[in-house]
């Protein structure tokens, strides 16, 4: 799979995402939104940073099950009750991904999530060269 991240100079700088992700591959994998939950359905943390790390670790588990790596991710959508805390969210994402280049992304402010106490949910899409 080839993934090219593009940030046209005519657009504002994209400090924590890429404006465009161009992917060539044969297999598209959609990952459901993940929360910062433990296997027993308890919260991994009470704060945004901890829950973001937890959600990303859960995505990482799903990605491993599908044979996908961070460089295969072409799209990420983040739902959070605190959308202005993008620096906290980005730091937590980088902590899990090892600083992998950020794909095209959208950060959406919401009033709540399906599980009480959850502050963030993250979903993504991957494209790979496999079948």
N, C-alpha and C. Protein backbone atom coordinates (compact mmCIF):
# COMPACT_ATOMS: atom_id res chain seq x y z
N UNK A 1 0.85 -1.18 0.00
CA UNK A 1 0.00 0.00 0.00
C UNK A 1 0.88 1.22 0.00
N UNK A 2 0.49 2.17 -0.76
CA UNK A 2 1.19 3.45 -0.77
C UNK A 2 0.26 4.50 -0.18
N UNK A 3 0.79 5.24 0.78
CA UNK A 3 0.01 6.32 1.40
C UNK A 3 0.81 7.59 1.23
N UNK A 4 0.17 8.58 0.64
CA UNK A 4 0.79 9.89 0.46
C UNK A 4 -0.03 10.92 1.20
N UNK A 5 0.62 11.65 2.11
CA UNK A 5 -0.05 12.71 2.85
C UNK A 5 0.30 14.04 2.21
N UNK A 6 -0.72 14.84 1.93
CA UNK A 6 -0.54 16.09 1.20
C UNK A 6 -1.12 17.25 2.00
N UNK A 7 -0.38 18.34 2.07
CA UNK A 7 -0.85 19.57 2.70
C UNK A 7 -0.62 20.72 1.73
N UNK A 8 -1.64 21.04 0.90
CA UNK A 8 -1.48 22.09 -0.10
C UNK A 8 -1.08 23.42 0.56
N UNK A 9 -0.11 24.11 -0.01
CA UNK A 9 0.35 25.36 0.58
C UNK A 9 -0.72 26.46 0.58
N UNK A 10 -1.76 26.31 -0.24
CA UNK A 10 -2.83 27.30 -0.28
C UNK A 10 -3.78 27.18 0.92
N UNK A 11 -3.71 26.07 1.63
CA UNK A 11 -4.55 25.86 2.81
C UNK A 11 -3.77 26.22 4.07
N UNK A 12 -4.49 26.47 5.16
CA UNK A 12 -3.84 26.78 6.43
C UNK A 12 -2.97 25.60 6.86
N UNK A 13 -1.95 25.84 7.65
CA UNK A 13 -1.09 24.74 8.11
C UNK A 13 -1.92 23.69 8.87
N UNK A 14 -1.52 22.45 8.72
CA UNK A 14 -2.21 21.34 9.37
C UNK A 14 -1.30 20.79 10.46
N UNK A 15 -1.33 21.38 11.66
CA UNK A 15 -0.36 21.02 12.69
C UNK A 15 -0.54 19.64 13.29
N UNK A 16 -1.75 19.10 13.30
CA UNK A 16 -1.99 17.82 13.97
C UNK A 16 -2.74 16.84 13.08
N UNK A 17 -2.70 17.05 11.78
CA UNK A 17 -3.36 16.17 10.83
C UNK A 17 -2.85 16.53 9.45
N UNK A 18 -3.22 15.73 8.46
CA UNK A 18 -2.93 16.04 7.07
C UNK A 18 -4.24 16.42 6.40
N UNK A 19 -4.18 17.40 5.49
CA UNK A 19 -5.40 17.80 4.78
C UNK A 19 -5.88 16.70 3.85
N UNK A 20 -4.96 15.97 3.24
CA UNK A 20 -5.30 14.97 2.23
C UNK A 20 -4.47 13.71 2.48
N UNK A 21 -5.12 12.57 2.37
CA UNK A 21 -4.41 11.29 2.39
C UNK A 21 -4.80 10.55 1.12
N UNK A 22 -3.81 10.27 0.30
CA UNK A 22 -4.04 9.54 -0.94
C UNK A 22 -3.52 8.13 -0.72
N UNK A 23 -4.40 7.15 -0.93
CA UNK A 23 -4.01 5.77 -0.68
C UNK A 23 -4.26 4.92 -1.92
N UNK A 24 -3.30 4.04 -2.17
CA UNK A 24 -3.46 3.05 -3.23
C UNK A 24 -3.31 1.69 -2.58
N UNK A 25 -4.30 0.87 -2.75
CA UNK A 25 -4.27 -0.46 -2.17
C UNK A 25 -5.49 -1.23 -2.61
N UNK A 26 -5.61 -2.45 -2.08
CA UNK A 26 -6.72 -3.29 -2.50
C UNK A 26 -7.65 -3.64 -1.35
N UNK A 27 -7.26 -3.33 -0.15
CA UNK A 27 -8.04 -3.74 1.01
C UNK A 27 -8.33 -2.52 1.88
N UNK A 28 -9.61 -2.25 2.10
CA UNK A 28 -10.02 -1.13 2.96
C UNK A 28 -10.57 -1.72 4.25
N UNK A 29 -10.05 -1.21 5.38
CA UNK A 29 -10.46 -1.70 6.69
C UNK A 29 -11.04 -0.53 7.48
N UNK A 30 -12.27 -0.67 7.92
CA UNK A 30 -12.95 0.36 8.71
C UNK A 30 -12.98 -0.10 10.17
N UNK A 31 -12.50 0.75 11.05
CA UNK A 31 -12.49 0.42 12.46
C UNK A 31 -13.57 1.22 13.18
N UNK A 32 -14.36 0.54 13.98
CA UNK A 32 -15.39 1.20 14.77
C UNK A 32 -14.73 2.13 15.77
N UNK A 33 -15.47 3.12 16.20
CA UNK A 33 -14.96 4.04 17.19
C UNK A 33 -14.60 3.30 18.47
N UNK A 34 -13.46 3.63 19.02
CA UNK A 34 -12.98 3.00 20.24
C UNK A 34 -12.96 4.01 21.37
N UNK A 35 -13.30 3.54 22.55
CA UNK A 35 -13.29 4.35 23.76
C UNK A 35 -12.12 3.92 24.63
N UNK A 36 -11.83 4.71 25.63
CA UNK A 36 -10.80 4.35 26.60
C UNK A 36 -11.39 3.44 27.67
N UNK A 37 -11.72 2.22 27.28
CA UNK A 37 -12.32 1.25 28.18
C UNK A 37 -11.43 0.03 28.35
N UNK A 38 -11.44 -0.53 29.55
CA UNK A 38 -10.78 -1.80 29.83
C UNK A 38 -11.69 -2.93 29.37
N UNK A 39 -11.17 -4.17 29.28
CA UNK A 39 -12.01 -5.30 28.88
C UNK A 39 -13.23 -5.51 29.77
N UNK A 40 -13.17 -5.08 31.03
CA UNK A 40 -14.33 -5.22 31.92
C UNK A 40 -15.31 -4.05 31.81
N UNK A 41 -15.11 -3.19 30.81
CA UNK A 41 -15.98 -2.05 30.50
C UNK A 41 -15.78 -0.88 31.45
N UNK A 42 -14.74 -0.92 32.28
CA UNK A 42 -14.45 0.22 33.16
C UNK A 42 -13.58 1.21 32.40
N UNK A 43 -13.63 2.48 32.80
CA UNK A 43 -12.81 3.51 32.17
C UNK A 43 -11.34 3.27 32.48
N UNK A 44 -10.46 3.48 31.49
CA UNK A 44 -9.03 3.33 31.73
C UNK A 44 -8.47 4.50 32.53
N UNK A 45 -9.15 5.64 32.47
CA UNK A 45 -8.71 6.85 33.17
C UNK A 45 -9.90 7.80 33.27
N UNK A 46 -9.75 8.80 34.11
CA UNK A 46 -10.80 9.81 34.27
C UNK A 46 -10.51 11.06 33.44
N UNK A 47 -9.28 11.21 32.95
CA UNK A 47 -8.86 12.42 32.24
C UNK A 47 -8.79 12.17 30.73
N UNK A 48 -8.78 13.26 29.96
CA UNK A 48 -8.79 13.19 28.51
C UNK A 48 -7.53 12.52 27.96
N UNK A 49 -6.36 12.86 28.49
CA UNK A 49 -5.13 12.25 28.01
C UNK A 49 -5.17 10.73 28.20
N UNK A 50 -5.51 10.29 29.40
CA UNK A 50 -5.55 8.86 29.69
C UNK A 50 -6.58 8.12 28.85
N UNK A 51 -7.74 8.72 28.65
CA UNK A 51 -8.77 8.07 27.84
C UNK A 51 -8.38 8.04 26.36
N UNK A 52 -7.66 9.08 25.90
CA UNK A 52 -7.19 9.08 24.51
C UNK A 52 -6.17 7.97 24.30
N UNK A 53 -5.23 7.84 25.23
CA UNK A 53 -4.25 6.75 25.15
C UNK A 53 -4.99 5.41 25.14
N UNK A 54 -5.98 5.25 26.02
CA UNK A 54 -6.74 4.00 26.07
C UNK A 54 -7.48 3.70 24.78
N UNK A 55 -8.11 4.72 24.20
CA UNK A 55 -8.83 4.53 22.94
C UNK A 55 -7.86 4.15 21.82
N UNK A 56 -6.70 4.80 21.79
CA UNK A 56 -5.71 4.49 20.77
C UNK A 56 -5.13 3.09 20.96
N UNK A 57 -4.92 2.69 22.19
CA UNK A 57 -4.43 1.32 22.46
C UNK A 57 -5.48 0.29 22.01
N UNK A 58 -6.76 0.60 22.23
CA UNK A 58 -7.81 -0.30 21.77
C UNK A 58 -7.86 -0.35 20.24
N UNK A 59 -7.67 0.79 19.59
CA UNK A 59 -7.57 0.79 18.13
C UNK A 59 -6.39 -0.05 17.68
N UNK A 60 -5.27 0.09 18.38
CA UNK A 60 -4.07 -0.67 18.03
C UNK A 60 -4.33 -2.18 18.11
N UNK A 61 -5.08 -2.62 19.12
CA UNK A 61 -5.43 -4.04 19.24
C UNK A 61 -6.28 -4.49 18.05
N UNK A 62 -7.27 -3.66 17.67
CA UNK A 62 -8.12 -3.98 16.52
C UNK A 62 -7.29 -4.00 15.23
N UNK A 63 -6.38 -3.04 15.12
CA UNK A 63 -5.53 -2.97 13.93
C UNK A 63 -4.64 -4.21 13.81
N UNK A 64 -4.06 -4.64 14.92
CA UNK A 64 -3.22 -5.85 14.89
C UNK A 64 -4.04 -7.06 14.46
N UNK A 65 -5.29 -7.15 14.93
CA UNK A 65 -6.15 -8.25 14.54
C UNK A 65 -6.42 -8.26 13.04
N UNK A 66 -6.40 -7.07 12.42
CA UNK A 66 -6.65 -6.94 10.98
C UNK A 66 -5.36 -6.90 10.17
N UNK A 67 -4.22 -6.95 10.83
CA UNK A 67 -2.94 -6.90 10.12
C UNK A 67 -2.62 -5.53 9.56
N UNK A 68 -2.99 -4.49 10.29
CA UNK A 68 -2.83 -3.11 9.84
C UNK A 68 -1.89 -2.36 10.78
N UNK A 69 -1.05 -1.48 10.21
CA UNK A 69 -0.16 -0.65 11.00
C UNK A 69 -0.55 0.82 10.91
N UNK A 70 0.11 1.65 11.72
CA UNK A 70 -0.22 3.08 11.74
C UNK A 70 -0.01 3.75 10.39
N UNK A 71 0.94 3.28 9.60
CA UNK A 71 1.18 3.89 8.29
C UNK A 71 0.13 3.50 7.26
N UNK A 72 -0.77 2.58 7.61
CA UNK A 72 -1.87 2.21 6.72
C UNK A 72 -3.12 3.06 6.96
N UNK A 73 -3.13 3.81 8.06
CA UNK A 73 -4.31 4.61 8.40
C UNK A 73 -4.38 5.85 7.50
N UNK A 74 -5.50 6.00 6.81
CA UNK A 74 -5.67 7.13 5.90
C UNK A 74 -6.69 8.15 6.39
N UNK A 75 -7.47 7.78 7.42
CA UNK A 75 -8.52 8.68 7.91
C UNK A 75 -8.76 8.41 9.39
N UNK A 76 -8.89 9.48 10.16
CA UNK A 76 -9.19 9.34 11.59
C UNK A 76 -10.24 10.39 11.95
N UNK A 77 -11.27 9.95 12.68
CA UNK A 77 -12.29 10.87 13.19
C UNK A 77 -12.29 10.76 14.70
N UNK A 78 -12.24 11.91 15.34
CA UNK A 78 -12.18 11.99 16.80
C UNK A 78 -13.41 12.74 17.28
N UNK A 79 -14.15 12.11 18.19
CA UNK A 79 -15.30 12.72 18.82
C UNK A 79 -14.94 12.98 20.28
N UNK A 80 -15.11 14.21 20.73
CA UNK A 80 -14.75 14.52 22.11
C UNK A 80 -15.64 15.61 22.69
N UNK A 81 -15.79 15.57 24.00
CA UNK A 81 -16.56 16.63 24.66
C UNK A 81 -15.69 17.87 24.88
N UNK A 82 -14.39 17.76 24.58
CA UNK A 82 -13.47 18.89 24.77
C UNK A 82 -12.63 19.12 23.50
N UNK A 83 -13.26 19.60 22.42
CA UNK A 83 -12.56 19.72 21.14
C UNK A 83 -11.44 20.77 21.12
N UNK A 84 -11.42 21.67 22.08
CA UNK A 84 -10.33 22.66 22.09
C UNK A 84 -9.06 22.10 22.72
N UNK A 85 -9.11 20.90 23.25
CA UNK A 85 -7.94 20.27 23.89
C UNK A 85 -7.14 19.45 22.88
N UNK A 86 -7.05 19.95 21.65
CA UNK A 86 -6.37 19.19 20.60
C UNK A 86 -4.91 18.91 20.91
N UNK A 87 -4.24 19.77 21.67
CA UNK A 87 -2.84 19.51 22.01
C UNK A 87 -2.72 18.30 22.94
N UNK A 88 -3.62 18.18 23.89
CA UNK A 88 -3.65 17.02 24.79
C UNK A 88 -3.92 15.75 24.00
N UNK A 89 -4.90 15.83 23.11
CA UNK A 89 -5.28 14.67 22.28
C UNK A 89 -4.12 14.25 21.39
N UNK A 90 -3.49 15.22 20.72
CA UNK A 90 -2.38 14.90 19.82
C UNK A 90 -1.21 14.29 20.58
N UNK A 91 -0.89 14.82 21.75
CA UNK A 91 0.22 14.27 22.55
C UNK A 91 -0.06 12.82 22.92
N UNK A 92 -1.30 12.51 23.28
CA UNK A 92 -1.66 11.14 23.64
C UNK A 92 -1.60 10.23 22.42
N UNK A 93 -2.06 10.72 21.28
CA UNK A 93 -1.99 9.92 20.04
C UNK A 93 -0.54 9.63 19.70
N UNK A 94 0.30 10.65 19.75
CA UNK A 94 1.73 10.47 19.44
C UNK A 94 2.39 9.49 20.40
N UNK A 95 1.95 9.49 21.64
CA UNK A 95 2.49 8.57 22.64
C UNK A 95 2.27 7.11 22.21
N UNK A 96 1.11 6.84 21.64
CA UNK A 96 0.79 5.48 21.23
C UNK A 96 1.37 5.14 19.86
N UNK A 97 1.32 6.08 18.93
CA UNK A 97 1.76 5.79 17.55
C UNK A 97 3.26 5.97 17.36
N UNK A 98 3.94 6.46 18.36
CA UNK A 98 5.37 6.70 18.21
C UNK A 98 5.67 7.88 17.31
N UNK A 99 4.69 8.76 17.15
CA UNK A 99 4.90 9.95 16.33
C UNK A 99 4.69 9.70 14.84
N UNK A 100 3.99 8.62 14.48
CA UNK A 100 3.69 8.36 13.07
C UNK A 100 2.97 9.57 12.48
N UNK A 101 3.18 9.80 11.19
CA UNK A 101 2.53 10.93 10.52
C UNK A 101 1.02 10.83 10.67
N UNK A 102 0.40 11.96 10.95
CA UNK A 102 -1.05 12.00 11.16
C UNK A 102 -1.79 11.97 9.82
N UNK A 103 -2.79 11.10 9.69
CA UNK A 103 -3.55 11.04 8.45
C UNK A 103 -4.55 12.19 8.36
N UNK A 104 -5.35 12.18 7.31
CA UNK A 104 -6.46 13.12 7.22
C UNK A 104 -7.34 12.87 8.44
N UNK A 105 -7.79 13.96 9.08
CA UNK A 105 -8.52 13.78 10.33
C UNK A 105 -9.56 14.88 10.53
N UNK A 106 -10.56 14.53 11.31
CA UNK A 106 -11.59 15.48 11.72
C UNK A 106 -11.78 15.35 13.22
N UNK A 107 -11.83 16.48 13.90
CA UNK A 107 -12.06 16.54 15.34
C UNK A 107 -13.44 17.15 15.54
N UNK A 108 -14.35 16.40 16.17
CA UNK A 108 -15.73 16.83 16.31
C UNK A 108 -16.07 17.02 17.79
N UNK A 109 -16.59 18.19 18.12
CA UNK A 109 -17.06 18.44 19.48
C UNK A 109 -18.46 17.89 19.65
N UNK A 110 -18.68 17.17 20.74
CA UNK A 110 -19.97 16.53 20.99
C UNK A 110 -20.42 16.84 22.42
N UNK A 111 -21.65 16.53 22.73
CA UNK A 111 -22.16 16.78 24.09
C UNK A 111 -22.03 15.56 24.98
N UNK A 112 -21.80 14.40 24.41
CA UNK A 112 -21.65 13.19 25.22
C UNK A 112 -21.47 11.97 24.35
N UNK A 113 -21.08 10.87 25.00
CA UNK A 113 -20.90 9.59 24.32
C UNK A 113 -21.82 8.56 24.94
N UNK A 114 -21.91 7.39 24.33
CA UNK A 114 -22.85 6.36 24.76
C UNK A 114 -22.54 5.79 26.13
N UNK A 115 -21.27 5.83 26.55
CA UNK A 115 -20.88 5.29 27.84
C UNK A 115 -20.62 6.46 28.80
N UNK A 116 -21.35 6.53 29.90
CA UNK A 116 -21.15 7.64 30.85
C UNK A 116 -19.70 7.73 31.31
N UNK A 117 -19.20 8.96 31.37
CA UNK A 117 -17.83 9.21 31.81
C UNK A 117 -16.81 9.22 30.70
N UNK A 118 -17.17 8.74 29.51
CA UNK A 118 -16.23 8.75 28.39
C UNK A 118 -16.11 10.16 27.83
N UNK A 119 -14.88 10.54 27.55
CA UNK A 119 -14.58 11.89 27.07
C UNK A 119 -14.21 11.93 25.60
N UNK A 120 -13.87 10.77 25.02
CA UNK A 120 -13.38 10.74 23.64
C UNK A 120 -13.66 9.38 23.01
N UNK A 121 -13.91 9.40 21.70
CA UNK A 121 -14.05 8.19 20.90
C UNK A 121 -13.29 8.43 19.60
N UNK A 122 -12.54 7.43 19.15
CA UNK A 122 -11.70 7.59 17.96
C UNK A 122 -11.97 6.43 17.00
N UNK A 123 -12.24 6.78 15.74
CA UNK A 123 -12.41 5.76 14.70
C UNK A 123 -11.44 6.06 13.57
N UNK A 124 -11.14 5.03 12.77
CA UNK A 124 -10.23 5.26 11.65
C UNK A 124 -10.51 4.29 10.52
N UNK A 125 -9.88 4.58 9.39
CA UNK A 125 -9.96 3.74 8.19
C UNK A 125 -8.55 3.51 7.70
N UNK A 126 -8.30 2.27 7.27
CA UNK A 126 -6.99 1.90 6.75
C UNK A 126 -7.14 1.37 5.33
N UNK A 127 -6.08 1.52 4.54
CA UNK A 127 -6.00 0.92 3.22
C UNK A 127 -4.69 0.16 3.15
N UNK A 128 -4.76 -1.11 2.75
CA UNK A 128 -3.56 -1.93 2.63
C UNK A 128 -3.47 -2.52 1.24
N UNK A 129 -2.32 -3.06 0.92
CA UNK A 129 -2.13 -3.69 -0.39
C UNK A 129 -2.62 -5.11 -0.44
N UNK A 130 -2.96 -5.69 0.71
CA UNK A 130 -3.40 -7.08 0.77
C UNK A 130 -4.78 -7.29 0.22
N UNK A 131 -5.19 -8.55 0.19
CA UNK A 131 -6.53 -8.89 -0.31
C UNK A 131 -7.51 -9.04 0.83
